[in-house]
C-alpha cells in the first residue's frame, strides 16, 4: 500500500527547502510519518498482518535515524519538523 500521490506531493510541498527538493531529511521524515500513520491504521484493522508490522517497525527505525541526523546537523529545523508533525522528542 504505497502513499497516494496527492498525499506525498502535499508532504513534499509543505517541507521542501527549495522548489525541486524531494530528498532533504525534513521531506523524508514527513513522507515516512504519513506512511507510518497509514500502516498504523491498517494494523488496527488487521491485527495478524505480521509482514506489515515488520515493515512498520523498519519505517519507524528509519524515521528515528533521520530525526537523529537532523537533530545533530540542524537543531532548529529538527524542532520545527517535530512540532509540525506533532512528534515526541527526547
PDB file of N, CA and C in Angstrom:
ATOM      1  N   UNK A   1       0.820  -1.186   0.000  1.00  0.00           N
ATOM      2  CA  UNK A   1       0.000   0.000   0.000  1.00  0.00           C
ATOM      3  C   UNK A   1       0.868   1.254   0.000  1.00  0.00           C
ATOM      4  N   UNK A   2       1.256   1.733  -1.140  1.00  0.00           N
ATOM      5  CA  UNK A   2       2.040   2.963  -1.166  1.00  0.00           C
ATOM      6  C   UNK A   2       1.152   4.174  -0.849  1.00  0.00           C
ATOM      7  N   UNK A   3       1.797   5.261  -0.514  1.00  0.00           N
ATOM      8  CA  UNK A   3       1.069   6.503  -0.262  1.00  0.00           C
ATOM      9  C   UNK A   3       0.435   7.010  -1.546  1.00  0.00           C
ATOM     10  N   UNK A   4      -0.703   7.653  -1.415  1.00  0.00           N
ATOM     11  CA  UNK A   4      -1.330   8.276  -2.574  1.00  0.00           C
ATOM     12  C   UNK A   4      -0.430   9.411  -3.071  1.00  0.00           C
ATOM     13  N   UNK A   5      -0.433   9.628  -4.367  1.00  0.00           N
ATOM     14  CA  UNK A   5       0.431  10.660  -4.954  1.00  0.00           C
ATOM     15  C   UNK A   5       0.119  12.039  -4.392  1.00  0.00           C
ATOM     16  N   UNK A   6      -1.149  12.307  -4.128  1.00  0.00           N
ATOM     17  CA  UNK A   6      -1.541  13.618  -3.606  1.00  0.00           C
ATOM     18  C   UNK A   6      -0.983  13.837  -2.203  1.00  0.00           C
ATOM     19  N   UNK A   7      -1.017  12.790  -1.377  1.00  0.00           N
ATOM     20  CA  UNK A   7      -0.517  12.896  -0.002  1.00  0.00           C
ATOM     21  C   UNK A   7       0.988  13.125  -0.008  1.00  0.00           C
ATOM     22  N   UNK A   8       1.682  12.381  -0.860  1.00  0.00           N
ATOM     23  CA  UNK A   8       3.136  12.524  -0.947  1.00  0.00           C
ATOM     24  C   UNK A   8       3.519  13.902  -1.488  1.00  0.00           C
ATOM     25  N   UNK A   9       2.804  14.371  -2.502  1.00  0.00           N
ATOM     26  CA  UNK A   9       3.079  15.690  -3.069  1.00  0.00           C
ATOM     27  C   UNK A   9       2.826  16.791  -2.046  1.00  0.00           C
ATOM     28  N   UNK A  10       1.800  16.638  -1.231  1.00  0.00           N
ATOM     29  CA  UNK A  10       1.487  17.628  -0.195  1.00  0.00           C
ATOM     30  C   UNK A  10       2.601  17.671   0.852  1.00  0.00           C
ATOM     31  N   UNK A  11       3.111  16.501   1.246  1.00  0.00           N
ATOM     32  CA  UNK A  11       4.202  16.456   2.225  1.00  0.00           C
ATOM     33  C   UNK A  11       5.453  17.114   1.657  1.00  0.00           C
ATOM     34  N   UNK A  12       5.750  16.848   0.399  1.00  0.00           N
ATOM     35  CA  UNK A  12       6.921  17.461  -0.239  1.00  0.00           C
ATOM     36  C   UNK A  12       6.752  18.968  -0.306  1.00  0.00           C
ATOM     37  N   UNK A  13       5.560  19.417  -0.685  1.00  0.00           N
ATOM     38  CA  UNK A  13       5.291  20.852  -0.801  1.00  0.00           C
ATOM     39  C   UNK A  13       5.402  21.553   0.548  1.00  0.00           C
ATOM     40  N   UNK A  14       4.957  20.904   1.615  1.00  0.00           N
ATOM     41  CA  UNK A  14       4.966  21.524   2.936  1.00  0.00           C
ATOM     42  C   UNK A  14       6.359  21.601   3.558  1.00  0.00           C
ATOM     43  N   UNK A  15       7.247  20.670   3.229  1.00  0.00           N
ATOM     44  CA  UNK A  15       8.513  20.577   3.944  1.00  0.00           C
ATOM     45  C   UNK A  15       9.749  20.803   3.083  1.00  0.00           C
ATOM     46  N   UNK A  16       9.605  21.111   1.796  1.00  0.00           N
ATOM     47  CA  UNK A  16      10.787  21.250   0.945  1.00  0.00           C
ATOM     48  C   UNK A  16      11.590  22.490   1.284  1.00  0.00           C
ATOM     49  N   UNK A  17      12.888  22.425   0.979  1.00  0.00           N
ATOM     50  CA  UNK A  17      13.796  23.552   1.205  1.00  0.00           C
ATOM     51  C   UNK A  17      13.827  24.490   0.010  1.00  0.00           C
ATOM     52  N   UNK A  18      13.748  23.921  -1.190  1.00  0.00           N
ATOM     53  CA  UNK A  18      13.702  24.702  -2.413  1.00  0.00           C
ATOM     54  C   UNK A  18      12.742  24.010  -3.364  1.00  0.00           C
ATOM     55  N   UNK A  19      12.530  24.573  -4.531  1.00  0.00           N
ATOM     56  CA  UNK A  19      11.467  24.131  -5.441  1.00  0.00           C
ATOM     57  C   UNK A  19      11.561  22.660  -5.847  1.00  0.00           C
ATOM     58  N   UNK A  20      12.759  22.168  -6.133  1.00  0.00           N
ATOM     59  CA  UNK A  20      12.904  20.796  -6.626  1.00  0.00           C
ATOM     60  C   UNK A  20      13.387  19.831  -5.548  1.00  0.00           C
ATOM     61  N   UNK A  21      13.252  20.198  -4.298  1.00  0.00           N
ATOM     62  CA  UNK A  21      13.743  19.379  -3.191  1.00  0.00           C
ATOM     63  C   UNK A  21      12.763  18.252  -2.881  1.00  0.00           C
ATOM     64  N   UNK A  22      13.238  17.004  -2.994  1.00  0.00           N
ATOM     65  CA  UNK A  22      12.412  15.862  -2.598  1.00  0.00           C
ATOM     66  C   UNK A  22      13.161  14.929  -1.665  1.00  0.00           C
ATOM     67  N   UNK A  23      14.427  15.218  -1.349  1.00  0.00           N
ATOM     68  CA  UNK A  23      15.219  14.272  -0.592  1.00  0.00           C
ATOM     69  C   UNK A  23      15.814  14.800   0.690  1.00  0.00           C
ATOM     70  N   UNK A  24      15.486  16.014   1.082  1.00  0.00           N
ATOM     71  CA  UNK A  24      16.049  16.528   2.324  1.00  0.00           C
ATOM     72  C   UNK A  24      15.469  15.738   3.502  1.00  0.00           C
ATOM     73  N   UNK A  25      16.162  15.727   4.627  1.00  0.00           N
ATOM     74  CA  UNK A  25      15.674  14.955   5.772  1.00  0.00           C
ATOM     75  C   UNK A  25      14.267  15.366   6.214  1.00  0.00           C
ATOM     76  N   UNK A  26      13.965  16.657   6.118  1.00  0.00           N
ATOM     77  CA  UNK A  26      12.644  17.122   6.524  1.00  0.00           C
ATOM     78  C   UNK A  26      11.547  16.482   5.673  1.00  0.00           C
ATOM     79  N   UNK A  27      11.765  16.447   4.368  1.00  0.00           N
ATOM     80  CA  UNK A  27      10.787  15.855   3.449  1.00  0.00           C
ATOM     81  C   UNK A  27      10.680  14.356   3.691  1.00  0.00           C
ATOM     82  N   UNK A  28      11.812  13.688   3.855  1.00  0.00           N
ATOM     83  CA  UNK A  28      11.784  12.250   4.084  1.00  0.00           C
ATOM     84  C   UNK A  28      11.056  11.906   5.376  1.00  0.00           C
ATOM     85  N   UNK A  29      11.261  12.691   6.419  1.00  0.00           N
ATOM     86  CA  UNK A  29      10.597  12.453   7.701  1.00  0.00           C
ATOM     87  C   UNK A  29       9.090  12.644   7.546  1.00  0.00           C
ATOM     88  N   UNK A  30       8.673  13.672   6.811  1.00  0.00           N
ATOM     89  CA  UNK A  30       7.238  13.909   6.605  1.00  0.00           C
ATOM     90  C   UNK A  30       6.589  12.765   5.834  1.00  0.00           C
ATOM     91  N   UNK A  31       7.262  12.277   4.791  1.00  0.00           N
ATOM     92  CA  UNK A  31       6.719  11.173   3.995  1.00  0.00           C
ATOM     93  C   UNK A  31       6.639   9.907   4.848  1.00  0.00           C
ATOM     94  N   UNK A  32       7.696   9.632   5.607  1.00  0.00           N
ATOM     95  CA  UNK A  32       7.689   8.451   6.465  1.00  0.00           C
ATOM     96  C   UNK A  32       6.594   8.537   7.528  1.00  0.00           C
ATOM     97  N   UNK A  33       6.373   9.727   8.066  1.00  0.00           N
ATOM     98  CA  UNK A  33       5.336   9.890   9.079  1.00  0.00           C
ATOM     99  C   UNK A  33       3.961   9.604   8.496  1.00  0.00           C
ATOM    100  N   UNK A  34       3.701  10.073   7.289  1.00  0.00           N
ATOM    101  CA  UNK A  34       2.423   9.775   6.637  1.00  0.00           C
ATOM    102  C   UNK A  34       2.265   8.279   6.398  1.00  0.00           C
ATOM    103  N   UNK A  35       3.330   7.637   5.972  1.00  0.00           N
ATOM    104  CA  UNK A  35       3.295   6.189   5.710  1.00  0.00           C
ATOM    105  C   UNK A  35       3.090   5.410   7.008  1.00  0.00           C
ATOM    106  N   UNK A  36       3.750   5.835   8.080  1.00  0.00           N
ATOM    107  CA  UNK A  36       3.604   5.183   9.382  1.00  0.00           C
ATOM    108  C   UNK A  36       2.168   5.312   9.877  1.00  0.00           C
ATOM    109  N   UNK A  37       1.577   6.471   9.702  1.00  0.00           N
ATOM    110  CA  UNK A  37       0.184   6.671  10.104  1.00  0.00           C
ATOM    111  C   UNK A  37      -0.742   5.749   9.324  1.00  0.00           C
ATOM    112  N   UNK A  38      -0.496   5.629   8.028  1.00  0.00           N
ATOM    113  CA  UNK A  38      -1.316   4.765   7.177  1.00  0.00           C
ATOM    114  C   UNK A  38      -1.187   3.302   7.613  1.00  0.00           C
ATOM    115  N   UNK A  39       0.018   2.841   7.867  1.00  0.00           N
ATOM    116  CA  UNK A  39       0.222   1.451   8.268  1.00  0.00           C
ATOM    117  C   UNK A  39      -0.334   1.174   9.663  1.00  0.00           C
ATOM    118  N   UNK A  40      -0.281   2.160  10.543  1.00  0.00           N
ATOM    119  CA  UNK A  40      -0.844   2.002  11.880  1.00  0.00           C
ATOM    120  C   UNK A  40      -2.348   1.778  11.798  1.00  0.00           C
ATOM    121  N   UNK A  41      -3.012   2.553  10.956  1.00  0.00           N
ATOM    122  CA  UNK A  41      -4.455   2.363  10.757  1.00  0.00           C
ATOM    123  C   UNK A  41      -4.748   0.983  10.168  1.00  0.00           C
ATOM    124  N   UNK A  42      -3.932   0.538   9.230  1.00  0.00           N
ATOM    125  CA  UNK A  42      -4.115  -0.780   8.630  1.00  0.00           C
ATOM    126  C   UNK A  42      -3.977  -1.870   9.690  1.00  0.00           C
ATOM    127  N   UNK A  43      -2.996  -1.730  10.572  1.00  0.00           N
ATOM    128  CA  UNK A  43      -2.774  -2.750  11.594  1.00  0.00           C
ATOM    129  C   UNK A  43      -3.851  -2.744  12.669  1.00  0.00           C
ATOM    130  N   UNK A  44      -4.524  -1.639  12.853  1.00  0.00           N
ATOM    131  CA  UNK A  44      -5.642  -1.636  13.804  1.00  0.00           C
ATOM    132  C   UNK A  44      -6.774  -2.532  13.307  1.00  0.00           C
ATOM    133  N   UNK A  45      -6.935  -2.598  11.995  1.00  0.00           N
ATOM    134  CA  UNK A  45      -7.984  -3.434  11.411  1.00  0.00           C
ATOM    135  C   UNK A  45      -7.517  -4.854  11.144  1.00  0.00           C
ATOM    136  N   UNK A  46      -6.214  -5.049  10.943  1.00  0.00           N
ATOM    137  CA  UNK A  46      -5.659  -6.355  10.592  1.00  0.00           C
ATOM    138  C   UNK A  46      -4.556  -6.713  11.585  1.00  0.00           C
ATOM    139  N   UNK A  47      -4.952  -7.138  12.760  1.00  0.00           N
ATOM    140  CA  UNK A  47      -4.013  -7.347  13.853  1.00  0.00           C
ATOM    141  C   UNK A  47      -2.981  -8.438  13.578  1.00  0.00           C
ATOM    142  N   UNK A  48      -3.282  -9.391  12.715  1.00  0.00           N
ATOM    143  CA  UNK A  48      -2.392 -10.530  12.495  1.00  0.00           C
ATOM    144  C   UNK A  48      -1.508 -10.375  11.263  1.00  0.00           C
ATOM    145  N   UNK A  49      -1.445  -9.206  10.683  1.00  0.00           N
ATOM    146  CA  UNK A  49      -0.631  -8.963   9.491  1.00  0.00           C
ATOM    147  C   UNK A  49       0.819  -8.713   9.933  1.00  0.00           C
ATOM    148  N   UNK A  50       1.567  -9.793  10.111  1.00  0.00           N
ATOM    149  CA  UNK A  50       2.915  -9.683  10.667  1.00  0.00           C
ATOM    150  C   UNK A  50       3.910  -9.059   9.697  1.00  0.00           C
ATOM    151  N   UNK A  51       3.736  -9.286   8.401  1.00  0.00           N
ATOM    152  CA  UNK A  51       4.667  -8.683   7.443  1.00  0.00           C
ATOM    153  C   UNK A  51       4.493  -7.165   7.414  1.00  0.00           C
ATOM    154  N   UNK A  52       3.281  -6.709   7.576  1.00  0.00           N
ATOM    155  CA  UNK A  52       3.028  -5.264   7.646  1.00  0.00           C
ATOM    156  C   UNK A  52       3.630  -4.687   8.924  1.00  0.00           C
ATOM    157  N   UNK A  53       3.518  -5.426  10.014  1.00  0.00           N
ATOM    158  CA  UNK A  53       4.078  -4.976  11.290  1.00  0.00           C
ATOM    159  C   UNK A  53       5.598  -4.821  11.183  1.00  0.00           C
ATOM    160  N   UNK A  54       6.246  -5.777  10.510  1.00  0.00           N
ATOM    161  CA  UNK A  54       7.697  -5.701  10.329  1.00  0.00           C
ATOM    162  C   UNK A  54       8.065  -4.487   9.482  1.00  0.00           C
ATOM    163  N   UNK A  55       7.308  -4.247   8.420  1.00  0.00           N
ATOM    164  CA  UNK A  55       7.562  -3.073   7.595  1.00  0.00           C
ATOM    165  C   UNK A  55       7.377  -1.786   8.368  1.00  0.00           C
ATOM    166  N   UNK A  56       6.350  -1.751   9.224  1.00  0.00           N
ATOM    167  CA  UNK A  56       6.111  -0.573  10.049  1.00  0.00           C
ATOM    168  C   UNK A  56       7.285  -0.317  10.979  1.00  0.00           C
ATOM    169  N   UNK A  57       7.798  -1.370  11.605  1.00  0.00           N
ATOM    170  CA  UNK A  57       8.931  -1.204  12.511  1.00  0.00           C
ATOM    171  C   UNK A  57      10.176  -0.719  11.775  1.00  0.00           C
ATOM    172  N   UNK A  58      10.376  -1.182  10.549  1.00  0.00           N
ATOM    173  CA  UNK A  58      11.506  -0.708   9.749  1.00  0.00           C
ATOM    174  C   UNK A  58      11.359   0.781   9.432  1.00  0.00           C
ATOM    175  N   UNK A  59      10.136   1.207   9.100  1.00  0.00           N
ATOM    176  CA  UNK A  59       9.902   2.619   8.795  1.00  0.00           C
ATOM    177  C   UNK A  59      10.111   3.492  10.026  1.00  0.00           C
ATOM    178  N   UNK A  60       9.660   3.024  11.180  1.00  0.00           N
ATOM    179  CA  UNK A  60       9.846   3.783  12.418  1.00  0.00           C
ATOM    180  C   UNK A  60      11.330   3.940  12.719  1.00  0.00           C
ATOM    181  N   UNK A  61      12.100   2.873  12.525  1.00  0.00           N
ATOM    182  CA  UNK A  61      13.543   2.956  12.746  1.00  0.00           C
ATOM    183  C   UNK A  61      14.227   3.903  11.783  1.00  0.00           C
ATOM    184  N   UNK A  62      13.801   3.878  10.534  1.00  0.00           N
ATOM    185  CA  UNK A  62      14.380   4.776   9.539  1.00  0.00           C
ATOM    186  C   UNK A  62      14.063   6.229   9.880  1.00  0.00           C
ATOM    187  N   UNK A  63      12.823   6.493  10.301  1.00  0.00           N
ATOM    188  CA  UNK A  63      12.455   7.861  10.688  1.00  0.00           C
ATOM    189  C   UNK A  63      13.244   8.299  11.906  1.00  0.00           C
ATOM    190  N   UNK A  64      13.455   7.390  12.852  1.00  0.00           N
ATOM    191  CA  UNK A  64      14.221   7.718  14.054  1.00  0.00           C
ATOM    192  C   UNK A  64      15.652   8.090  13.692  1.00  0.00           C
ATOM    193  N   UNK A  65      16.263   7.344  12.755  1.00  0.00           N
ATOM    194  CA  UNK A  65      17.637   7.667  12.326  1.00  0.00           C
ATOM    195  C   UNK A  65      17.690   9.020  11.631  1.00  0.00           C
ATOM    196  N   UNK A  66      16.694   9.317  10.793  1.00  0.00           N
ATOM    197  CA  UNK A  66      16.672  10.619  10.122  1.00  0.00           C
ATOM    198  C   UNK A  66      16.482  11.755  11.122  1.00  0.00           C
ATOM    199  N   UNK A  67      15.649  11.539  12.133  1.00  0.00           N
ATOM    200  CA  UNK A  67      15.452  12.566  13.156  1.00  0.00           C
ATOM    201  C   UNK A  67      16.742  12.798  13.947  1.00  0.00           C
ATOM    202  N   UNK A  68      17.470  11.739  14.244  1.00  0.00           N
ATOM    203  CA  UNK A  68      18.748  11.875  14.947  1.00  0.00           C
ATOM    204  C   UNK A  68      19.742  12.659  14.097  1.00  0.00           C
ATOM    205  N   UNK A  69      19.799  12.340  12.811  1.00  0.00           N
ATOM    206  CA  UNK A  69      20.687  13.058  11.891  1.00  0.00           C
ATOM    207  C   UNK A  69      20.320  14.544  11.853  1.00  0.00           C
ATOM    208  N   UNK A  70      19.037  14.832  11.726  1.00  0.00           N
ATOM    209  CA  UNK A  70      18.598  16.223  11.648  1.00  0.00           C
ATOM    210  C   UNK A  70      18.874  16.957  12.954  1.00  0.00           C
ATOM    211  N   UNK A  71      18.684  16.267  14.086  1.00  0.00           N
ATOM    212  CA  UNK A  71      18.942  16.895  15.380  1.00  0.00           C
ATOM    213  C   UNK A  71      20.413  17.275  15.510  1.00  0.00           C
ATOM    214  N   UNK A  72      21.317  16.415  15.011  1.00  0.00           N
ATOM    215  CA  UNK A  72      22.745  16.711  15.095  1.00  0.00           C
ATOM    216  C   UNK A  72      23.157  17.821  14.136  1.00  0.00           C
ATOM    217  N   UNK A  73      22.592  17.836  12.932  1.00  0.00           N
ATOM    218  CA  UNK A  73      23.022  18.770  11.888  1.00  0.00           C
ATOM    219  C   UNK A  73      22.370  20.148  11.988  1.00  0.00           C
ATOM    220  N   UNK A  74      21.069  20.174  12.282  1.00  0.00           N
ATOM    221  CA  UNK A  74      20.353  21.451  12.280  1.00  0.00           C
ATOM    222  C   UNK A  74      19.237  21.382  13.322  1.00  0.00           C
ATOM    223  N   UNK A  75      19.546  21.790  14.539  1.00  0.00           N
ATOM    224  CA  UNK A  75      18.619  21.626  15.654  1.00  0.00           C
ATOM    225  C   UNK A  75      17.341  22.443  15.474  1.00  0.00           C
ATOM    226  N   UNK A  76      17.447  23.615  14.888  1.00  0.00           N
ATOM    227  CA  UNK A  76      16.262  24.454  14.696  1.00  0.00           C
ATOM    228  C   UNK A  76      15.269  23.792  13.736  1.00  0.00           C
ATOM    229  N   UNK A  77      15.773  23.216  12.655  1.00  0.00           N
ATOM    230  CA  UNK A  77      14.889  22.503  11.730  1.00  0.00           C
ATOM    231  C   UNK A  77      14.292  21.271  12.394  1.00  0.00           C
ATOM    232  N   UNK A  78      15.061  20.603  13.238  1.00  0.00           N
ATOM    233  CA  UNK A  78      14.574  19.442  13.984  1.00  0.00           C
ATOM    234  C   UNK A  78      13.380  19.837  14.845  1.00  0.00           C
ATOM    235  N   UNK A  79      13.518  20.936  15.572  1.00  0.00           N
ATOM    236  CA  UNK A  79      12.417  21.404  16.417  1.00  0.00           C
ATOM    237  C   UNK A  79      11.193  21.768  15.577  1.00  0.00           C
ATOM    238  N   UNK A  80      11.424  22.427  14.444  1.00  0.00           N
ATOM    239  CA  UNK A  80      10.314  22.835  13.586  1.00  0.00           C
ATOM    240  C   UNK A  80       9.580  21.618  13.018  1.00  0.00           C
ATOM    241  N   UNK A  81      10.323  20.619  12.557  1.00  0.00           N
ATOM    242  CA  UNK A  81       9.703  19.424  11.962  1.00  0.00           C
ATOM    243  C   UNK A  81       8.929  18.647  13.013  1.00  0.00           C
ATOM    244  N   UNK A  82       9.516  18.452  14.195  1.00  0.00           N
ATOM    245  CA  UNK A  82       8.814  17.685  15.227  1.00  0.00           C
ATOM    246  C   UNK A  82       7.561  18.413  15.701  1.00  0.00           C
ATOM    247  N   UNK A  83       7.599  19.738  15.740  1.00  0.00           N
ATOM    248  CA  UNK A  83       6.398  20.493  16.114  1.00  0.00           C
ATOM    249  C   UNK A  83       5.314  20.377  15.057  1.00  0.00           C
ATOM    250  N   UNK A  84       5.685  20.532  13.790  1.00  0.00           N
ATOM    251  CA  UNK A  84       4.684  20.494  12.717  1.00  0.00           C
ATOM    252  C   UNK A  84       4.074  19.117  12.536  1.00  0.00           C
ATOM    253  N   UNK A  85       4.864  18.055  12.770  1.00  0.00           N
ATOM    254  CA  UNK A  85       4.355  16.688  12.619  1.00  0.00           C
ATOM    255  C   UNK A  85       3.825  16.125  13.937  1.00  0.00           C
ATOM    256  N   UNK A  86       3.931  16.895  14.999  1.00  0.00           N
ATOM    257  CA  UNK A  86       3.468  16.519  16.335  1.00  0.00           C
ATOM    258  C   UNK A  86       4.112  15.221  16.801  1.00  0.00           C
ATOM    259  N   UNK A  87       5.446  15.163  16.666  1.00  0.00           N
ATOM    260  CA  UNK A  87       6.214  14.005  17.109  1.00  0.00           C
ATOM    261  C   UNK A  87       6.803  14.285  18.478  1.00  0.00           C
ATOM    262  N   UNK A  88       6.866  13.259  19.301  1.00  0.00           N
ATOM    263  CA  UNK A  88       7.552  13.396  20.587  1.00  0.00           C
ATOM    264  C   UNK A  88       9.036  13.439  20.333  1.00  0.00           C
ATOM    265  N   UNK A  89       9.755  14.168  21.164  1.00  0.00           N
ATOM    266  CA  UNK A  89      11.201  14.195  21.022  1.00  0.00           C
ATOM    267  C   UNK A  89      11.825  14.001  22.398  1.00  0.00           C
ATOM    268  N   UNK A  90      13.046  13.497  22.364  1.00  0.00           N
ATOM    269  CA  UNK A  90      13.747  13.217  23.620  1.00  0.00           C
ATOM    270  C   UNK A  90      14.615  14.377  24.005  1.00  0.00           C
TER     271      UNK A  90
END
